[in-house]
Structure formats: C-alpha cells, structure tokens
Full PDB file with SEQRES, HELIX, SHEET, SSBOND, CRYST1, ORIGX, SCALE, CONECT and MASTER records, all heavy atoms in Angstrom:
SEQRES   1 A   32  PRO VAL GLY THR GLY PRO TYR MET VAL LYS ASP TRP ARG          
SEQRES   2 A   32  ARG GLY GLU TYR ILE LEU LEU GLN LYS PHE GLY SER TYR          
SEQRES   3 A   32  THR PRO ALA GLN GLN PRO                                      
SHEET    1 AA1 2 TYR A   7  ARG A  13  0                                        
SHEET    2 AA1 2 TYR A  17  LYS A  22 -1                                        
CRYST1    1.000    1.000    1.000  90.00  90.00  90.00 P 1           1          
ORIGX1      1.000000  0.000000  0.000000        0.00000                         
ORIGX2      0.000000  1.000000  0.000000        0.00000                         
ORIGX3      0.000000  0.000000  1.000000        0.00000                         
SCALE1      1.000000  0.000000  0.000000        0.00000                         
SCALE2      0.000000  1.000000  0.000000        0.00000                         
SCALE3      0.000000  0.000000  1.000000        0.00000                         
ATOM      1  N   PRO A   1     -19.722  35.184   6.483  1.00  0.00           N  
ATOM      2  CA  PRO A   1     -20.964  35.449   5.760  1.00  0.00           C  
ATOM      3  C   PRO A   1     -20.702  36.144   4.424  1.00  0.00           C  
ATOM      4  O   PRO A   1     -20.215  37.279   4.379  1.00  0.00           O  
ATOM      5  CB  PRO A   1     -21.737  36.368   6.713  1.00  0.00           C  
ATOM      6  CG  PRO A   1     -20.678  37.061   7.513  1.00  0.00           C  
ATOM      7  CD  PRO A   1     -19.537  36.089   7.637  1.00  0.00           C  
ATOM      8  N   VAL A   2     -21.005  35.447   3.346  1.00  0.00           N  
ATOM      9  CA  VAL A   2     -20.971  36.054   2.013  1.00  0.00           C  
ATOM     10  C   VAL A   2     -22.417  36.362   1.670  1.00  0.00           C  
ATOM     11  O   VAL A   2     -23.154  35.516   1.160  1.00  0.00           O  
ATOM     12  CB  VAL A   2     -20.324  35.114   0.980  1.00  0.00           C  
ATOM     13  CG1 VAL A   2     -20.277  35.779  -0.397  1.00  0.00           C  
ATOM     14  CG2 VAL A   2     -18.920  34.717   1.422  1.00  0.00           C  
ATOM     15  N   GLY A   3     -22.835  37.570   2.029  1.00  0.00           N  
ATOM     16  CA  GLY A   3     -24.231  37.959   1.896  1.00  0.00           C  
ATOM     17  C   GLY A   3     -24.445  38.982   0.810  1.00  0.00           C  
ATOM     18  O   GLY A   3     -23.607  39.145  -0.093  1.00  0.00           O  
ATOM     19  N   THR A   4     -25.581  39.682   0.913  1.00  0.00           N  
ATOM     20  CA  THR A   4     -25.950  40.682  -0.095  1.00  0.00           C  
ATOM     21  C   THR A   4     -26.103  42.072   0.508  1.00  0.00           C  
ATOM     22  O   THR A   4     -26.550  42.992  -0.167  1.00  0.00           O  
ATOM     23  CB  THR A   4     -27.282  40.288  -0.765  1.00  0.00           C  
ATOM     24  OG1 THR A   4     -28.313  40.250   0.241  1.00  0.00           O  
ATOM     25  CG2 THR A   4     -27.192  38.946  -1.462  1.00  0.00           C  
ATOM     26  N   GLY A   5     -25.768  42.246   1.782  1.00  0.00           N  
ATOM     27  CA  GLY A   5     -25.997  43.508   2.469  1.00  0.00           C  
ATOM     28  C   GLY A   5     -25.041  44.611   2.053  1.00  0.00           C  
ATOM     29  O   GLY A   5     -24.048  44.370   1.343  1.00  0.00           O  
ATOM     30  N   PRO A   6     -25.289  45.843   2.510  1.00  0.00           N  
ATOM     31  CA  PRO A   6     -24.460  46.985   2.117  1.00  0.00           C  
ATOM     32  C   PRO A   6     -23.060  46.980   2.718  1.00  0.00           C  
ATOM     33  O   PRO A   6     -22.210  47.762   2.309  1.00  0.00           O  
ATOM     34  CB  PRO A   6     -25.264  48.194   2.608  1.00  0.00           C  
ATOM     35  CG  PRO A   6     -26.162  47.661   3.673  1.00  0.00           C  
ATOM     36  CD  PRO A   6     -26.459  46.246   3.300  1.00  0.00           C  
ATOM     37  N   TYR A   7     -22.813  46.109   3.704  1.00  0.00           N  
ATOM     38  CA  TYR A   7     -21.480  46.010   4.311  1.00  0.00           C  
ATOM     39  C   TYR A   7     -21.031  44.557   4.360  1.00  0.00           C  
ATOM     40  O   TYR A   7     -21.850  43.629   4.385  1.00  0.00           O  
ATOM     41  CB  TYR A   7     -21.482  46.606   5.720  1.00  0.00           C  
ATOM     42  CG  TYR A   7     -21.488  48.116   5.709  1.00  0.00           C  
ATOM     43  CD1 TYR A   7     -22.698  48.820   5.701  1.00  0.00           C  
ATOM     44  CD2 TYR A   7     -20.302  48.841   5.669  1.00  0.00           C  
ATOM     45  CE1 TYR A   7     -22.710  50.204   5.665  1.00  0.00           C  
ATOM     46  CE2 TYR A   7     -20.308  50.230   5.634  1.00  0.00           C  
ATOM     47  CZ  TYR A   7     -21.508  50.897   5.624  1.00  0.00           C  
ATOM     48  OH  TYR A   7     -21.520  52.273   5.571  1.00  0.00           O  
ATOM     49  N   MET A   8     -19.702  44.377   4.367  1.00  0.00           N  
ATOM     50  CA  MET A   8     -19.074  43.060   4.484  1.00  0.00           C  
ATOM     51  C   MET A   8     -18.247  43.033   5.770  1.00  0.00           C  
ATOM     52  O   MET A   8     -17.787  44.077   6.240  1.00  0.00           O  
ATOM     53  CB  MET A   8     -18.138  42.805   3.300  1.00  0.00           C  
ATOM     54  CG  MET A   8     -18.768  42.987   1.944  1.00  0.00           C  
ATOM     55  SD  MET A   8     -17.555  42.790   0.595  1.00  0.00           S  
ATOM     56  CE  MET A   8     -16.589  44.303   0.785  1.00  0.00           C  
ATOM     57  N   VAL A   9     -18.046  41.843   6.335  1.00  0.00           N  
ATOM     58  CA  VAL A   9     -17.169  41.707   7.491  1.00  0.00           C  
ATOM     59  C   VAL A   9     -15.730  41.780   7.001  1.00  0.00           C  
ATOM     60  O   VAL A   9     -15.254  40.896   6.283  1.00  0.00           O  
ATOM     61  CB  VAL A   9     -17.414  40.388   8.241  1.00  0.00           C  
ATOM     62  CG1 VAL A   9     -16.408  40.246   9.385  1.00  0.00           C  
ATOM     63  CG2 VAL A   9     -18.842  40.334   8.789  1.00  0.00           C  
ATOM     64  N   LYS A  10     -15.029  42.856   7.357  1.00  0.00           N  
ATOM     65  CA  LYS A  10     -13.639  43.052   6.960  1.00  0.00           C  
ATOM     66  C   LYS A  10     -12.682  42.378   7.942  1.00  0.00           C  
ATOM     67  O   LYS A  10     -11.715  41.724   7.553  1.00  0.00           O  
ATOM     68  CB  LYS A  10     -13.346  44.549   6.880  1.00  0.00           C  
ATOM     69  CG  LYS A  10     -11.880  44.922   6.635  1.00  0.00           C  
ATOM     70  CD  LYS A  10     -11.429  44.532   5.254  1.00  0.00           C  
ATOM     71  CE  LYS A  10     -10.027  45.074   4.991  1.00  0.00           C  
ATOM     72  NZ  LYS A  10      -9.495  44.613   3.676  1.00  0.00           N  
ATOM     73  N   ASP A  11     -12.954  42.554   9.245  1.00  0.00           N  
ATOM     74  CA  ASP A  11     -12.045  42.023  10.260  1.00  0.00           C  
ATOM     75  C   ASP A  11     -12.817  41.838  11.564  1.00  0.00           C  
ATOM     76  O   ASP A  11     -13.706  42.622  11.881  1.00  0.00           O  
ATOM     77  CB  ASP A  11     -10.873  42.996  10.467  1.00  0.00           C  
ATOM     78  CG  ASP A  11      -9.758  42.409  11.318  1.00  0.00           C  
ATOM     79  OD1 ASP A  11      -9.715  41.169  11.459  1.00  0.00           O  
ATOM     80  OD2 ASP A  11      -8.931  43.186  11.836  1.00  0.00           O  
ATOM     81  N   TRP A  12     -12.463  40.795  12.277  1.00  0.00           N  
ATOM     82  CA  TRP A  12     -13.044  40.557  13.609  1.00  0.00           C  
ATOM     83  C   TRP A  12     -11.920  40.137  14.534  1.00  0.00           C  
ATOM     84  O   TRP A  12     -11.358  39.064  14.380  1.00  0.00           O  
ATOM     85  CB  TRP A  12     -14.134  39.478  13.541  1.00  0.00           C  
ATOM     86  CG  TRP A  12     -14.710  39.106  14.882  1.00  0.00           C  
ATOM     87  CD1 TRP A  12     -14.718  39.863  16.018  1.00  0.00           C  
ATOM     88  CD2 TRP A  12     -15.367  37.879  15.228  1.00  0.00           C  
ATOM     89  NE1 TRP A  12     -15.345  39.206  17.049  1.00  0.00           N  
ATOM     90  CE2 TRP A  12     -15.750  37.976  16.589  1.00  0.00           C  
ATOM     91  CE3 TRP A  12     -15.675  36.721  14.523  1.00  0.00           C  
ATOM     92  CZ2 TRP A  12     -16.417  36.947  17.247  1.00  0.00           C  
ATOM     93  CZ3 TRP A  12     -16.346  35.694  15.180  1.00  0.00           C  
ATOM     94  CH2 TRP A  12     -16.718  35.813  16.522  1.00  0.00           C  
ATOM     95  N   ARG A  13     -11.588  41.004  15.458  1.00  0.00           N  
ATOM     96  CA  ARG A  13     -10.604  40.685  16.487  1.00  0.00           C  
ATOM     97  C   ARG A  13     -11.365  40.473  17.788  1.00  0.00           C  
ATOM     98  O   ARG A  13     -11.862  41.424  18.403  1.00  0.00           O  
ATOM     99  CB  ARG A  13      -9.572  41.810  16.627  1.00  0.00           C  
ATOM    100  CG  ARG A  13      -8.769  41.997  15.346  1.00  0.00           C  
ATOM    101  CD  ARG A  13      -7.514  42.781  15.555  1.00  0.00           C  
ATOM    102  NE  ARG A  13      -6.778  42.936  14.305  1.00  0.00           N  
ATOM    103  CZ  ARG A  13      -5.619  43.598  14.194  1.00  0.00           C  
ATOM    104  NH1 ARG A  13      -5.087  44.166  15.264  1.00  0.00           N  
ATOM    105  NH2 ARG A  13      -5.013  43.685  13.024  1.00  0.00           N  
ATOM    106  N   ARG A  14     -11.446  39.198  18.181  1.00  0.00           N  
ATOM    107  CA  ARG A  14     -12.295  38.829  19.304  1.00  0.00           C  
ATOM    108  C   ARG A  14     -11.919  39.615  20.556  1.00  0.00           C  
ATOM    109  O   ARG A  14     -10.750  39.712  20.920  1.00  0.00           O  
ATOM    110  CB  ARG A  14     -12.194  37.332  19.567  1.00  0.00           C  
ATOM    111  CG  ARG A  14     -12.766  36.487  18.437  1.00  0.00           C  
ATOM    112  CD  ARG A  14     -12.540  35.007  18.660  1.00  0.00           C  
ATOM    113  NE  ARG A  14     -12.969  34.221  17.519  1.00  0.00           N  
ATOM    114  CZ  ARG A  14     -14.169  33.676  17.381  1.00  0.00           C  
ATOM    115  NH1 ARG A  14     -15.079  33.845  18.328  1.00  0.00           N  
ATOM    116  NH2 ARG A  14     -14.474  32.973  16.307  1.00  0.00           N  
ATOM    117  N   GLY A  15     -12.947  40.149  21.191  1.00  0.00           N  
ATOM    118  CA  GLY A  15     -12.754  40.923  22.404  1.00  0.00           C  
ATOM    119  C   GLY A  15     -12.307  42.344  22.164  1.00  0.00           C  
ATOM    120  O   GLY A  15     -12.214  43.138  23.107  1.00  0.00           O  
ATOM    121  N   GLU A  16     -12.043  42.719  20.899  1.00  0.00           N  
ATOM    122  CA  GLU A  16     -11.568  44.070  20.592  1.00  0.00           C  
ATOM    123  C   GLU A  16     -12.550  44.834  19.706  1.00  0.00           C  
ATOM    124  O   GLU A  16     -13.098  45.851  20.118  1.00  0.00           O  
ATOM    125  CB  GLU A  16     -10.199  44.005  19.912  1.00  0.00           C  
ATOM    126  CG  GLU A  16      -9.090  43.436  20.783  1.00  0.00           C  
ATOM    127  CD  GLU A  16      -7.752  43.463  20.076  1.00  0.00           C  
ATOM    128  OE1 GLU A  16      -7.521  44.379  19.259  1.00  0.00           O  
ATOM    129  OE2 GLU A  16      -6.934  42.553  20.312  1.00  0.00           O  
ATOM    130  N   TYR A  17     -12.778  44.336  18.478  1.00  0.00           N  
ATOM    131  CA  TYR A  17     -13.668  45.064  17.584  1.00  0.00           C  
ATOM    132  C   TYR A  17     -14.124  44.167  16.432  1.00  0.00           C  
ATOM    133  O   TYR A  17     -13.547  43.110  16.163  1.00  0.00           O  
ATOM    134  CB  TYR A  17     -12.998  46.319  17.022  1.00  0.00           C  
ATOM    135  CG  TYR A  17     -11.797  46.060  16.132  1.00  0.00           C  
ATOM    136  CD1 TYR A  17     -11.952  45.683  14.796  1.00  0.00           C  
ATOM    137  CD2 TYR A  17     -10.501  46.190  16.614  1.00  0.00           C  
ATOM    138  CE1 TYR A  17     -10.865  45.442  13.976  1.00  0.00           C  
ATOM    139  CE2 TYR A  17      -9.393  45.953  15.809  1.00  0.00           C  
ATOM    140  CZ  TYR A  17      -9.593  45.583  14.487  1.00  0.00           C  
ATOM    141  OH  TYR A  17      -8.513  45.345  13.678  1.00  0.00           O  
ATOM    142  N   ILE A  18     -15.177  44.641  15.755  1.00  0.00           N  
ATOM    143  CA  ILE A  18     -15.645  44.055  14.509  1.00  0.00           C  
ATOM    144  C   ILE A  18     -15.671  45.189  13.493  1.00  0.00           C  
ATOM    145  O   ILE A  18     -16.292  46.235  13.733  1.00  0.00           O  
ATOM    146  CB  ILE A  18     -17.063  43.441  14.634  1.00  0.00           C  
ATOM    147  CG1 ILE A  18     -17.123  42.469  15.801  1.00  0.00           C  
ATOM    148  CG2 ILE A  18     -17.476  42.742  13.340  1.00  0.00           C  
ATOM    149  CD1 ILE A  18     -17.653  43.093  17.070  1.00  0.00           C  
ATOM    150  N   LEU A  19     -14.998  45.010  12.369  1.00  0.00           N  
ATOM    151  CA  LEU A  19     -14.897  46.055  11.345  1.00  0.00           C  
ATOM    152  C   LEU A  19     -15.681  45.632  10.114  1.00  0.00           C  
ATOM    153  O   LEU A  19     -15.427  44.569   9.534  1.00  0.00           O  
ATOM    154  CB  LEU A  19     -13.438  46.303  10.980  1.00  0.00           C  
ATOM    155  CG  LEU A  19     -13.175  47.414   9.951  1.00  0.00           C  
ATOM    156  CD1 LEU A  19     -13.586  48.778  10.530  1.00  0.00           C  
ATOM    157  CD2 LEU A  19     -11.710  47.423   9.532  1.00  0.00           C  
ATOM    158  N   LEU A  20     -16.637  46.474   9.723  1.00  0.00           N  
ATOM    159  CA  LEU A  20     -17.408  46.247   8.500  1.00  0.00           C  
ATOM    160  C   LEU A  20     -16.934  47.210   7.420  1.00  0.00           C  
ATOM    161  O   LEU A  20     -16.638  48.373   7.694  1.00  0.00           O  
ATOM    162  CB  LEU A  20     -18.905  46.465   8.751  1.00  0.00           C  
ATOM    163  CG  LEU A  20     -19.565  45.666   9.876  1.00  0.00           C  
ATOM    164  CD1 LEU A  20     -21.061  45.928   9.884  1.00  0.00           C  
ATOM    165  CD2 LEU A  20     -19.279  44.180   9.754  1.00  0.00           C  
ATOM    166  N   GLN A  21     -16.870  46.717   6.189  1.00  0.00           N  
ATOM    167  CA  GLN A  21     -16.443  47.525   5.051  1.00  0.00           C  
ATOM    168  C   GLN A  21     -17.575  47.663   4.050  1.00  0.00           C  
ATOM    169  O   GLN A  21     -18.322  46.711   3.795  1.00  0.00           O  
ATOM    170  CB  GLN A  21     -15.232  46.886   4.365  1.00  0.00           C  
ATOM    171  CG  GLN A  21     -14.702  47.684   3.184  1.00  0.00           C  
ATOM    172  CD  GLN A  21     -13.477  47.027   2.553  1.00  0.00           C  
ATOM    173  OE1 GLN A  21     -13.128  45.907   2.882  1.00  0.00           O  
ATOM    174  NE2 GLN A  21     -12.826  47.743   1.649  1.00  0.00           N  
ATOM    175  N   LYS A  22     -17.697  48.843   3.470  1.00  0.00           N  
ATOM    176  CA  LYS A  22     -18.733  49.116   2.476  1.00  0.00           C  
ATOM    177  C   LYS A  22     -18.607  48.163   1.295  1.00  0.00           C  
ATOM    178  O   LYS A  22     -17.511  47.911   0.787  1.00  0.00           O  
ATOM    179  CB  LYS A  22     -18.605  50.563   2.006  1.00  0.00           C  
ATOM    180  CG  LYS A  22     -19.585  50.996   0.937  1.00  0.00           C  
ATOM    181  CD  LYS A  22     -19.335  52.449   0.576  1.00  0.00           C  
ATOM    182  CE  LYS A  22     -20.252  52.924  -0.547  1.00  0.00           C  
ATOM    183  NZ  LYS A  22     -19.998  54.364  -0.852  1.00  0.00           N  
ATOM    184  N   PHE A  23     -19.736  47.609   0.841  1.00  0.00           N  
ATOM    185  CA  PHE A  23     -19.776  46.750  -0.341  1.00  0.00           C  
ATOM    186  C   PHE A  23     -20.101  47.630  -1.542  1.00  0.00           C  
ATOM    187  O   PHE A  23     -21.224  48.111  -1.687  1.00  0.00           O  
ATOM    188  CB  PHE A  23     -20.812  45.647  -0.152  1.00  0.00           C  
ATOM    189  CG  PHE A  23     -21.030  44.775  -1.357  1.00  0.00           C  
ATOM    190  CD1 PHE A  23     -19.967  44.350  -2.138  1.00  0.00           C  
ATOM    191  CD2 PHE A  23     -22.308  44.355  -1.705  1.00  0.00           C  
ATOM    192  CE1 PHE A  23     -20.159  43.548  -3.248  1.00  0.00           C  
ATOM    193  CE2 PHE A  23     -22.516  43.543  -2.800  1.00  0.00           C  
ATOM    194  CZ  PHE A  23     -21.447  43.140  -3.582  1.00  0.00           C  
ATOM    195  N   GLY A  24     -19.106  47.856  -2.385  1.00  0.00           N  
ATOM    196  CA  GLY A  24     -19.250  48.813  -3.480  1.00  0.00           C  
ATOM    197  C   GLY A  24     -20.268  48.424  -4.532  1.00  0.00           C  
ATOM    198  O   GLY A  24     -20.795  49.291  -5.234  1.00  0.00           O  
ATOM    199  N   SER A  25     -20.584  47.143  -4.659  1.00  0.00           N  
ATOM    200  CA  SER A  25     -21.531  46.688  -5.684  1.00  0.00           C  
ATOM    201  C   SER A  25     -22.904  46.380  -5.097  1.00  0.00           C  
ATOM    202  O   SER A  25     -23.672  45.605  -5.685  1.00  0.00           O  
ATOM    203  CB  SER A  25     -20.972  45.442  -6.385  1.00  0.00           C  
ATOM    204  OG  SER A  25     -19.757  45.732  -7.043  1.00  0.00           O  
ATOM    205  N   TYR A  26     -23.199  46.966  -3.935  1.00  0.00           N  
ATOM    206  CA  TYR A  26     -24.502  46.717  -3.312  1.00  0.00           C  
ATOM    207  C   TYR A  26     -25.626  47.193  -4.220  1.00  0.00           C  
ATOM    208  O   TYR A  26     -25.562  48.285  -4.804  1.00  0.00           O  
ATOM    209  CB  TYR A  26     -24.599  47.417  -1.963  1.00  0.00           C  
ATOM    210  CG  TYR A  26     -25.948  47.243  -1.300  1.00  0.00           C  
ATOM    211  CD1 TYR A  26     -26.359  45.996  -0.848  1.00  0.00           C  
ATOM    212  CD2 TYR A  26     -26.818  48.322  -1.154  1.00  0.00           C  
ATOM    213  CE1 TYR A  26     -27.597  45.816  -0.253  1.00  0.00           C  
ATOM    214  CE2 TYR A  26     -28.058  48.158  -0.557  1.00  0.00           C  
ATOM    215  CZ  TYR A  26     -28.450  46.906  -0.114  1.00  0.00           C  
ATOM    216  OH  TYR A  26     -29.680  46.728   0.464  1.00  0.00           O  
ATOM    217  N   THR A  27     -26.682  46.373  -4.322  1.00  0.00           N  
ATOM    218  CA  THR A  27     -27.837  46.690  -5.162  1.00  0.00           C  
ATOM    219  C   THR A  27     -29.045  46.929  -4.275  1.00  0.00           C  
ATOM    220  O   THR A  27     -29.650  45.985  -3.765  1.00  0.00           O  
ATOM    221  CB  THR A  27     -28.141  45.536  -6.134  1.00  0.00           C  
ATOM    222  OG1 THR A  27     -26.944  45.174  -6.827  1.00  0.00           O  
ATOM    223  CG2 THR A  27     -29.211  45.945  -7.128  1.00  0.00           C  
ATOM    224  N   PRO A  28     -29.405  48.190  -4.042  1.00  0.00           N  
ATOM    225  CA  PRO A  28     -30.521  48.457  -3.120  1.00  0.00           C  
ATOM    226  C   PRO A  28     -31.876  48.229  -3.766  1.00  0.00           C  
ATOM    227  O   PRO A  28     -32.023  48.287  -4.988  1.00  0.00           O  
ATOM    228  CB  PRO A  28     -30.330  49.944  -2.786  1.00  0.00           C  
ATOM    229  CG  PRO A  28     -29.681  50.512  -4.006  1.00  0.00           C  
ATOM    230  CD  PRO A  28     -28.791  49.421  -4.554  1.00  0.00           C  
ATOM    231  N   ALA A  29     -32.865  47.975  -2.919  1.00  0.00           N  
ATOM    232  CA  ALA A  29     -34.253  47.976  -3.387  1.00  0.00           C  
ATOM    233  C   ALA A  29     -34.627  49.397  -3.779  1.00  0.00           C  
ATOM    234  O   ALA A  29     -34.081  50.371  -3.252  1.00  0.00           O  
ATOM    235  CB  ALA A  29     -35.171  47.457  -2.289  1.00  0.00           C  
ATOM    236  N   GLN A  30     -35.553  49.523  -4.682  1.00  0.00           N  
ATOM    237  CA  GLN A  30     -35.909  50.854  -5.185  1.00  0.00           C  
ATOM    238  C   GLN A  30     -37.084  51.489  -4.439  1.00  0.00           C  
ATOM    239  O   GLN A  30     -37.388  52.660  -4.653  1.00  0.00           O  
ATOM    240  CB  GLN A  30     -36.219  50.770  -6.681  1.00  0.00           C  
ATOM    241  CG  GLN A  30     -35.002  50.413  -7.524  1.00  0.00           C  
ATOM    242  CD  GLN A  30     -33.807  51.327  -7.251  1.00  0.00           C  
ATOM    243  OE1 GLN A  30     -33.905  52.558  -7.389  1.00  0.00           O  
ATOM    244  NE2 GLN A  30     -32.688  50.744  -6.835  1.00  0.00           N  
ATOM    245  N   GLN A  31     -37.732  50.736  -3.560  1.00  0.00           N  
ATOM    246  CA  GLN A  31     -38.816  51.331  -2.768  1.00  0.00           C  
ATOM    247  C   GLN A  31     -38.215  52.307  -1.748  1.00  0.00           C  
ATOM    248  O   GLN A  31     -37.059  52.156  -1.342  1.00  0.00           O  
ATOM    249  CB  GLN A  31     -39.600  50.235  -2.040  1.00  0.00           C  
ATOM    250  CG  GLN A  31     -40.430  49.349  -2.953  1.00  0.00           C  
ATOM    251  CD  GLN A  31     -39.582  48.323  -3.690  1.00  0.00           C  
ATOM    252  OE1 GLN A  31     -38.456  48.049  -3.294  1.00  0.00           O  
ATOM    253  NE2 GLN A  31     -40.114  47.780  -4.765  1.00  0.00           N  
ATOM    254  N   PRO A  32     -38.977  53.306  -1.331  1.00  0.00           N  
ATOM    255  CA  PRO A  32     -38.457  54.251  -0.327  1.00  0.00           C  
ATOM    256  C   PRO A  32     -38.050  53.536   0.953  1.00  0.00           C  
ATOM    257  O   PRO A  32     -38.625  52.493   1.297  1.00  0.00           O  
ATOM    258  CB  PRO A  32     -39.653  55.186  -0.080  1.00  0.00           C  
ATOM    259  CG  PRO A  32     -40.513  55.050  -1.295  1.00  0.00           C  
ATOM    260  CD  PRO A  32     -40.345  53.641  -1.772  1.00  0.00           C  
TER     261      PRO A  32                                                      
MASTER        0    0    0    0    2    0    0    6  260    1    0    3          
END                                                                             
C-alpha cells in the first residue's frame, strides 16, 4: 500500500509481526 496515512508498512514477517514506520512528509488535515 502506497497510501497517504501517517505510517507506512516497513516490514511484515508473516506469523511474527507487522512493523509500521512514521511517514515524515505526512500532511494532516487542519481540523481538530
């Protein structure tokens, strides 16, 4: 998934873990 969320999928080791990494260029909405 190449999305727009605040995290990216860094690594997925099936049956062990899923690691998400912060997306440094994330653009948040300005509403509270």
